[in-house]
């Protein structure tokens, strides 16, 4: 971040007067243009290399981060003797708040599975016909 901010600050201080040579002599002007092109290319290559190394380091370190986020929500349940109580349930979430597909490390029971509709019964086989013609 410091490199980016210092690069932006210094880029605003550049000037287009590269030297005090005459623009009518093509040698120094061409040399300065080639030097600028080489400098820009080398800078972009170096920036690409730094980005690749930094991205790889962050990607390799991500699975080993020891921090995690828990979200606790409360359910109202009725005990067998008729009392109504609040029961905490903890859910492990990722950095974006999405639930992680593993049980929370708090010893809570596994959440109940989602309710799905029963499958439709298979249609009865058609008997007494051959290729659509009755027998």
N, C-alpha and C. Protein backbone atom coordinates (compact mmCIF):
# COMPACT_ATOMS: atom_id res chain seq x y z
N UNK A 1 0.83 -1.18 0.00
CA UNK A 1 0.00 0.00 0.00
C UNK A 1 0.87 1.25 0.00
N UNK A 2 1.97 1.18 0.72
CA UNK A 2 2.87 2.33 0.76
C UNK A 2 3.49 2.57 -0.60
N UNK A 3 3.80 1.48 -1.33
CA UNK A 3 4.38 1.64 -2.66
C UNK A 3 3.38 2.31 -3.60
N UNK A 4 2.14 1.91 -3.49
CA UNK A 4 1.12 2.47 -4.36
C UNK A 4 0.93 3.96 -4.10
N UNK A 5 0.81 4.32 -2.83
CA UNK A 5 0.59 5.73 -2.51
C UNK A 5 1.81 6.58 -2.86
N UNK A 6 3.01 6.07 -2.61
CA UNK A 6 4.19 6.86 -2.96
C UNK A 6 4.34 6.95 -4.48
N UNK A 7 3.99 5.89 -5.19
CA UNK A 7 4.05 5.93 -6.66
C UNK A 7 3.07 6.93 -7.22
N UNK A 8 1.88 6.99 -6.65
CA UNK A 8 0.90 7.97 -7.12
C UNK A 8 1.34 9.39 -6.80
N UNK A 9 1.95 9.58 -5.65
CA UNK A 9 2.41 10.92 -5.30
C UNK A 9 3.55 11.37 -6.20
N UNK A 10 4.48 10.48 -6.48
CA UNK A 10 5.63 10.85 -7.30
C UNK A 10 5.27 10.97 -8.77
N UNK A 11 4.27 10.25 -9.21
CA UNK A 11 3.87 10.33 -10.62
C UNK A 11 3.31 11.71 -10.94
N UNK A 12 2.71 12.36 -9.99
CA UNK A 12 2.17 13.69 -10.22
C UNK A 12 3.24 14.75 -10.33
N UNK A 13 4.46 14.46 -9.92
CA UNK A 13 5.54 15.43 -9.94
C UNK A 13 6.42 15.33 -11.17
N UNK A 14 6.06 14.44 -12.11
CA UNK A 14 6.93 14.29 -13.28
C UNK A 14 6.71 15.43 -14.26
N UNK A 15 7.66 15.60 -15.12
CA UNK A 15 7.56 16.66 -16.12
C UNK A 15 7.86 16.07 -17.48
N UNK A 16 7.40 16.72 -18.53
CA UNK A 16 7.63 16.22 -19.88
C UNK A 16 8.92 16.74 -20.48
N UNK A 17 9.59 17.66 -19.82
CA UNK A 17 10.88 18.16 -20.30
C UNK A 17 11.96 17.20 -19.81
N UNK A 18 12.35 16.25 -20.71
CA UNK A 18 13.29 15.23 -20.29
C UNK A 18 14.73 15.71 -20.28
N UNK A 19 15.05 16.59 -21.14
CA UNK A 19 16.42 17.11 -21.16
C UNK A 19 16.43 18.45 -21.88
N UNK A 20 17.59 18.99 -21.98
CA UNK A 20 17.72 20.28 -22.64
C UNK A 20 18.33 20.13 -24.02
N UNK A 21 18.04 18.99 -24.66
CA UNK A 21 18.54 18.80 -26.03
C UNK A 21 17.53 19.33 -27.02
N UNK A 22 17.96 19.51 -28.20
CA UNK A 22 17.10 20.04 -29.25
C UNK A 22 16.21 18.93 -29.80
N UNK A 23 14.92 19.18 -29.98
CA UNK A 23 14.06 18.15 -30.55
C UNK A 23 14.36 17.89 -32.02
N UNK A 24 15.20 18.72 -32.64
CA UNK A 24 15.54 18.53 -34.04
C UNK A 24 16.66 17.51 -34.23
N UNK A 25 17.28 17.07 -33.16
CA UNK A 25 18.29 16.02 -33.22
C UNK A 25 17.63 14.72 -32.78
N UNK A 26 17.42 13.76 -33.65
CA UNK A 26 16.63 12.58 -33.30
C UNK A 26 17.31 11.61 -32.35
N UNK A 27 18.60 11.63 -32.23
CA UNK A 27 19.30 10.65 -31.39
C UNK A 27 18.90 10.74 -29.92
N UNK A 28 19.09 11.89 -29.28
CA UNK A 28 18.73 11.98 -27.87
C UNK A 28 17.24 11.80 -27.61
N UNK A 29 16.41 12.29 -28.51
CA UNK A 29 14.96 12.15 -28.33
C UNK A 29 14.56 10.68 -28.42
N UNK A 30 15.08 9.97 -29.41
CA UNK A 30 14.77 8.54 -29.55
C UNK A 30 15.30 7.76 -28.36
N UNK A 31 16.49 8.11 -27.89
CA UNK A 31 17.05 7.42 -26.73
C UNK A 31 16.21 7.62 -25.48
N UNK A 32 15.71 8.82 -25.32
CA UNK A 32 14.87 9.08 -24.15
C UNK A 32 13.54 8.32 -24.26
N UNK A 33 12.96 8.25 -25.44
CA UNK A 33 11.71 7.51 -25.60
C UNK A 33 11.91 6.02 -25.37
N UNK A 34 13.00 5.48 -25.89
CA UNK A 34 13.29 4.06 -25.66
C UNK A 34 13.55 3.81 -24.18
N UNK A 35 14.25 4.71 -23.53
CA UNK A 35 14.50 4.57 -22.09
C UNK A 35 13.22 4.60 -21.28
N UNK A 36 12.30 5.49 -21.67
CA UNK A 36 11.01 5.54 -20.97
C UNK A 36 10.23 4.24 -21.17
N UNK A 37 10.23 3.72 -22.40
CA UNK A 37 9.50 2.47 -22.67
C UNK A 37 10.09 1.31 -21.88
N UNK A 38 11.41 1.23 -21.83
CA UNK A 38 12.06 0.16 -21.06
C UNK A 38 11.75 0.31 -19.58
N UNK A 39 11.75 1.53 -19.08
CA UNK A 39 11.46 1.76 -17.67
C UNK A 39 10.03 1.38 -17.31
N UNK A 40 9.08 1.71 -18.17
CA UNK A 40 7.68 1.35 -17.92
C UNK A 40 7.52 -0.16 -17.96
N UNK A 41 8.13 -0.80 -18.93
CA UNK A 41 8.02 -2.26 -19.03
C UNK A 41 8.64 -2.95 -17.82
N UNK A 42 9.81 -2.50 -17.44
CA UNK A 42 10.47 -3.11 -16.27
C UNK A 42 9.64 -2.88 -15.01
N UNK A 43 9.05 -1.71 -14.88
CA UNK A 43 8.21 -1.45 -13.71
C UNK A 43 6.97 -2.32 -13.67
N UNK A 44 6.35 -2.54 -14.83
CA UNK A 44 5.18 -3.41 -14.88
C UNK A 44 5.54 -4.86 -14.59
N UNK A 45 6.68 -5.30 -15.09
CA UNK A 45 7.12 -6.68 -14.82
C UNK A 45 7.39 -6.85 -13.32
N UNK A 46 8.03 -5.88 -12.73
CA UNK A 46 8.31 -5.96 -11.29
C UNK A 46 7.01 -5.94 -10.49
N UNK A 47 6.07 -5.11 -10.88
CA UNK A 47 4.79 -5.07 -10.19
C UNK A 47 4.02 -6.37 -10.32
N UNK A 48 4.08 -6.98 -11.51
CA UNK A 48 3.44 -8.28 -11.70
C UNK A 48 4.06 -9.33 -10.80
N UNK A 49 5.39 -9.34 -10.72
CA UNK A 49 6.07 -10.31 -9.86
C UNK A 49 5.71 -10.13 -8.40
N UNK A 50 5.65 -8.90 -7.94
CA UNK A 50 5.27 -8.64 -6.55
C UNK A 50 3.84 -9.09 -6.30
N UNK A 51 2.96 -8.82 -7.26
CA UNK A 51 1.56 -9.23 -7.10
C UNK A 51 1.40 -10.74 -7.04
N UNK A 52 2.14 -11.46 -7.88
CA UNK A 52 2.07 -12.91 -7.88
C UNK A 52 2.56 -13.48 -6.56
N UNK A 53 3.69 -12.99 -6.09
CA UNK A 53 4.25 -13.49 -4.82
C UNK A 53 3.31 -13.17 -3.66
N UNK A 54 2.79 -11.97 -3.62
CA UNK A 54 1.89 -11.58 -2.53
C UNK A 54 0.60 -12.40 -2.56
N UNK A 55 0.01 -12.57 -3.74
CA UNK A 55 -1.21 -13.37 -3.85
C UNK A 55 -0.99 -14.82 -3.47
N UNK A 56 0.13 -15.38 -3.87
CA UNK A 56 0.44 -16.76 -3.52
C UNK A 56 0.63 -16.91 -2.02
N UNK A 57 1.30 -15.96 -1.40
CA UNK A 57 1.51 -16.03 0.04
C UNK A 57 0.19 -15.95 0.80
N UNK A 58 -0.68 -15.06 0.38
CA UNK A 58 -1.99 -14.94 1.05
C UNK A 58 -2.83 -16.19 0.81
N UNK A 59 -2.77 -16.73 -0.39
CA UNK A 59 -3.55 -17.93 -0.69
C UNK A 59 -3.07 -19.14 0.10
N UNK A 60 -1.77 -19.27 0.25
CA UNK A 60 -1.25 -20.41 1.02
C UNK A 60 -1.48 -20.25 2.51
N UNK A 61 -1.54 -19.03 3.00
CA UNK A 61 -1.72 -18.80 4.43
C UNK A 61 -3.17 -18.88 4.87
N UNK A 62 -4.11 -18.74 3.94
CA UNK A 62 -5.53 -18.69 4.30
C UNK A 62 -6.03 -19.92 5.06
N UNK A 63 -5.68 -21.16 4.67
CA UNK A 63 -6.20 -22.30 5.42
C UNK A 63 -5.64 -22.41 6.84
N UNK A 64 -4.57 -21.73 7.13
CA UNK A 64 -3.92 -21.87 8.44
C UNK A 64 -4.27 -20.73 9.40
N UNK A 65 -5.22 -19.89 9.03
CA UNK A 65 -5.59 -18.80 9.93
C UNK A 65 -6.39 -19.37 11.10
N UNK A 66 -6.00 -19.08 12.34
CA UNK A 66 -6.67 -19.68 13.48
C UNK A 66 -7.95 -18.96 13.89
N UNK A 67 -8.29 -17.85 13.30
CA UNK A 67 -9.48 -17.12 13.74
C UNK A 67 -10.72 -17.64 13.02
N UNK A 68 -11.83 -17.60 13.71
CA UNK A 68 -13.11 -18.01 13.16
C UNK A 68 -14.19 -17.13 13.79
N UNK A 69 -15.35 -17.13 13.16
CA UNK A 69 -16.45 -16.30 13.62
C UNK A 69 -17.64 -17.18 13.95
N UNK A 70 -18.22 -16.94 15.10
CA UNK A 70 -19.41 -17.68 15.53
C UNK A 70 -20.60 -16.73 15.58
N UNK A 71 -21.75 -17.23 15.16
CA UNK A 71 -22.99 -16.49 15.28
C UNK A 71 -23.89 -17.30 16.20
N UNK A 72 -24.41 -16.65 17.22
CA UNK A 72 -25.29 -17.33 18.17
C UNK A 72 -26.71 -16.85 17.96
N UNK A 73 -27.61 -17.80 17.82
CA UNK A 73 -29.02 -17.45 17.77
C UNK A 73 -29.74 -18.30 18.80
N UNK A 74 -30.90 -17.84 19.22
CA UNK A 74 -31.63 -18.45 20.30
C UNK A 74 -32.93 -19.05 19.78
N UNK A 75 -33.22 -20.26 20.22
CA UNK A 75 -34.47 -20.92 19.89
C UNK A 75 -35.32 -21.03 21.15
N UNK A 76 -36.59 -20.87 20.97
CA UNK A 76 -37.52 -21.08 22.08
C UNK A 76 -37.99 -22.52 22.02
N UNK A 77 -37.78 -23.24 23.10
CA UNK A 77 -38.19 -24.64 23.15
C UNK A 77 -39.01 -24.86 24.41
N UNK A 78 -39.86 -25.87 24.34
CA UNK A 78 -40.70 -26.22 25.48
C UNK A 78 -40.17 -27.52 26.07
N UNK A 79 -39.93 -27.51 27.37
CA UNK A 79 -39.42 -28.69 28.05
C UNK A 79 -40.55 -29.70 28.26
N UNK A 80 -40.21 -30.95 28.58
CA UNK A 80 -41.26 -31.97 28.80
C UNK A 80 -42.21 -31.60 29.95
N UNK A 81 -41.74 -30.79 30.89
CA UNK A 81 -42.63 -30.41 31.99
C UNK A 81 -43.43 -29.14 31.69
N UNK A 82 -43.34 -28.61 30.44
CA UNK A 82 -44.19 -27.50 30.04
C UNK A 82 -43.55 -26.12 30.11
N UNK A 83 -42.32 -26.02 30.59
CA UNK A 83 -41.69 -24.70 30.66
C UNK A 83 -41.18 -24.29 29.29
N UNK A 84 -41.15 -23.00 29.03
CA UNK A 84 -40.60 -22.45 27.79
C UNK A 84 -39.24 -21.85 28.12
N UNK A 85 -38.21 -22.32 27.39
CA UNK A 85 -36.86 -21.84 27.66
C UNK A 85 -36.21 -21.39 26.36
N UNK A 86 -35.17 -20.56 26.51
CA UNK A 86 -34.37 -20.12 25.37
C UNK A 86 -33.11 -21.00 25.32
N UNK A 87 -32.84 -21.58 24.18
CA UNK A 87 -31.68 -22.46 24.01
C UNK A 87 -30.75 -21.83 22.98
N UNK A 88 -29.46 -21.63 23.34
CA UNK A 88 -28.54 -21.03 22.36
C UNK A 88 -28.04 -22.06 21.36
N UNK A 89 -27.92 -21.63 20.10
CA UNK A 89 -27.30 -22.44 19.06
C UNK A 89 -26.23 -21.59 18.40
N UNK A 90 -25.05 -22.14 18.29
CA UNK A 90 -23.92 -21.44 17.68
C UNK A 90 -23.72 -21.96 16.27
N UNK A 91 -23.41 -21.03 15.37
CA UNK A 91 -23.17 -21.40 13.99
C UNK A 91 -21.83 -20.81 13.55
N UNK A 92 -21.00 -21.65 12.98
CA UNK A 92 -19.71 -21.20 12.47
C UNK A 92 -19.94 -20.58 11.10
N UNK A 93 -19.45 -19.34 10.91
CA UNK A 93 -19.63 -18.63 9.63
C UNK A 93 -18.27 -18.24 9.09
N UNK A 94 -18.21 -18.04 7.77
CA UNK A 94 -16.97 -17.60 7.15
C UNK A 94 -16.86 -16.08 7.26
N UNK A 95 -15.85 -15.52 6.62
CA UNK A 95 -15.60 -14.08 6.75
C UNK A 95 -16.71 -13.23 6.15
N UNK A 96 -17.57 -13.81 5.33
CA UNK A 96 -18.67 -13.08 4.72
C UNK A 96 -20.00 -13.32 5.42
N UNK A 97 -20.00 -14.10 6.51
CA UNK A 97 -21.21 -14.36 7.26
C UNK A 97 -22.02 -15.54 6.75
N UNK A 98 -21.48 -16.31 5.81
CA UNK A 98 -22.18 -17.48 5.30
C UNK A 98 -21.89 -18.67 6.22
N UNK A 99 -22.89 -19.51 6.47
CA UNK A 99 -22.64 -20.68 7.34
C UNK A 99 -21.63 -21.63 6.71
N UNK A 100 -20.75 -22.14 7.53
CA UNK A 100 -19.76 -23.12 7.10
C UNK A 100 -20.40 -24.50 7.24
N UNK A 101 -20.16 -25.38 6.32
CA UNK A 101 -20.80 -26.69 6.30
C UNK A 101 -20.11 -27.68 7.23
N UNK A 102 -19.95 -27.30 8.48
CA UNK A 102 -19.39 -28.22 9.47
C UNK A 102 -19.99 -27.86 10.83
N UNK A 103 -20.06 -28.78 11.76
CA UNK A 103 -20.64 -28.45 13.06
C UNK A 103 -19.75 -27.47 13.83
N UNK A 104 -20.39 -26.64 14.61
CA UNK A 104 -19.66 -25.67 15.41
C UNK A 104 -18.90 -26.38 16.52
N UNK A 105 -17.74 -25.86 16.93
CA UNK A 105 -16.93 -26.53 17.95
C UNK A 105 -17.42 -26.25 19.37
N UNK A 106 -18.72 -26.22 19.59
CA UNK A 106 -19.24 -25.91 20.91
C UNK A 106 -19.99 -27.08 21.54
N UNK A 107 -20.11 -28.18 20.82
CA UNK A 107 -20.81 -29.33 21.36
C UNK A 107 -22.31 -29.28 21.15
N UNK A 108 -22.80 -28.30 20.41
CA UNK A 108 -24.24 -28.25 20.12
C UNK A 108 -24.62 -29.41 19.22
N UNK A 109 -25.87 -29.83 19.29
CA UNK A 109 -26.28 -30.91 18.38
C UNK A 109 -26.33 -30.40 16.95
N UNK A 110 -26.27 -31.35 16.04
CA UNK A 110 -26.33 -31.03 14.62
C UNK A 110 -27.70 -30.41 14.31
N UNK A 111 -27.75 -29.36 13.48
CA UNK A 111 -29.05 -28.76 13.18
C UNK A 111 -29.93 -29.75 12.43
N UNK A 112 -31.25 -29.60 12.56
CA UNK A 112 -32.14 -30.55 11.88
C UNK A 112 -32.02 -30.41 10.37
N UNK A 113 -32.23 -31.50 9.65
CA UNK A 113 -32.12 -31.43 8.19
C UNK A 113 -33.29 -30.64 7.61
N UNK A 114 -33.10 -30.14 6.41
CA UNK A 114 -34.16 -29.40 5.74
C UNK A 114 -35.29 -30.35 5.37
N UNK A 115 -36.52 -29.85 5.48
CA UNK A 115 -37.69 -30.67 5.14
C UNK A 115 -37.90 -30.61 3.64
N UNK A 116 -37.97 -31.77 3.03
CA UNK A 116 -38.22 -31.83 1.59
C UNK A 116 -39.52 -32.58 1.34
N UNK A 117 -40.11 -32.33 0.20
CA UNK A 117 -41.35 -33.01 -0.15
C UNK A 117 -41.06 -34.47 -0.50
N UNK A 118 -42.03 -35.33 -0.21
CA UNK A 118 -41.87 -36.75 -0.53
C UNK A 118 -41.88 -36.92 -2.05
N UNK A 119 -41.12 -37.86 -2.57
CA UNK A 119 -41.12 -38.05 -4.02
C UNK A 119 -42.46 -38.58 -4.51
N UNK A 120 -42.83 -38.20 -5.71
CA UNK A 120 -44.10 -38.66 -6.29
C UNK A 120 -43.99 -40.14 -6.60
N UNK A 121 -45.11 -40.89 -6.43
CA UNK A 121 -45.04 -42.33 -6.73
C UNK A 121 -44.86 -42.54 -8.23
N UNK A 122 -44.20 -43.62 -8.57
CA UNK A 122 -43.95 -43.94 -9.97
C UNK A 122 -45.27 -44.32 -10.63
N UNK A 123 -45.46 -43.94 -11.89
CA UNK A 123 -46.71 -44.30 -12.56
C UNK A 123 -46.79 -45.82 -12.76
N UNK A 124 -48.02 -46.31 -12.75
CA UNK A 124 -48.23 -47.75 -12.93
C UNK A 124 -47.87 -48.14 -14.35
N UNK A 125 -47.26 -49.30 -14.52
CA UNK A 125 -46.89 -49.71 -15.88
C UNK A 125 -48.15 -49.98 -16.71
N UNK A 126 -48.07 -49.64 -17.97
CA UNK A 126 -49.18 -49.84 -18.88
C UNK A 126 -49.15 -51.28 -19.36
N UNK A 127 -50.30 -51.96 -19.26
CA UNK A 127 -50.37 -53.36 -19.67
C UNK A 127 -51.41 -53.50 -20.77
N UNK A 128 -51.26 -54.51 -21.58
CA UNK A 128 -52.24 -54.84 -22.60
C UNK A 128 -52.07 -54.06 -23.89
N UNK A 129 -50.98 -53.31 -24.07
CA UNK A 129 -50.80 -52.60 -25.33
C UNK A 129 -49.40 -52.91 -25.86
N UNK A 130 -49.27 -52.84 -27.17
CA UNK A 130 -47.99 -52.97 -27.82
C UNK A 130 -47.83 -51.80 -28.77
N UNK A 131 -46.90 -50.93 -28.50
CA UNK A 131 -46.66 -49.76 -29.34
C UNK A 131 -47.90 -48.92 -29.53
N UNK A 132 -48.71 -48.81 -28.50
CA UNK A 132 -49.87 -47.94 -28.57
C UNK A 132 -51.12 -48.60 -29.12
N UNK A 133 -51.03 -49.85 -29.58
CA UNK A 133 -52.23 -50.54 -30.10
C UNK A 133 -52.68 -51.58 -29.10
N UNK A 134 -53.97 -51.62 -28.80
CA UNK A 134 -54.45 -52.62 -27.82
C UNK A 134 -54.30 -54.04 -28.39
N UNK A 135 -54.17 -54.99 -27.47
CA UNK A 135 -54.03 -56.39 -27.86
C UNK A 135 -55.33 -57.12 -27.70
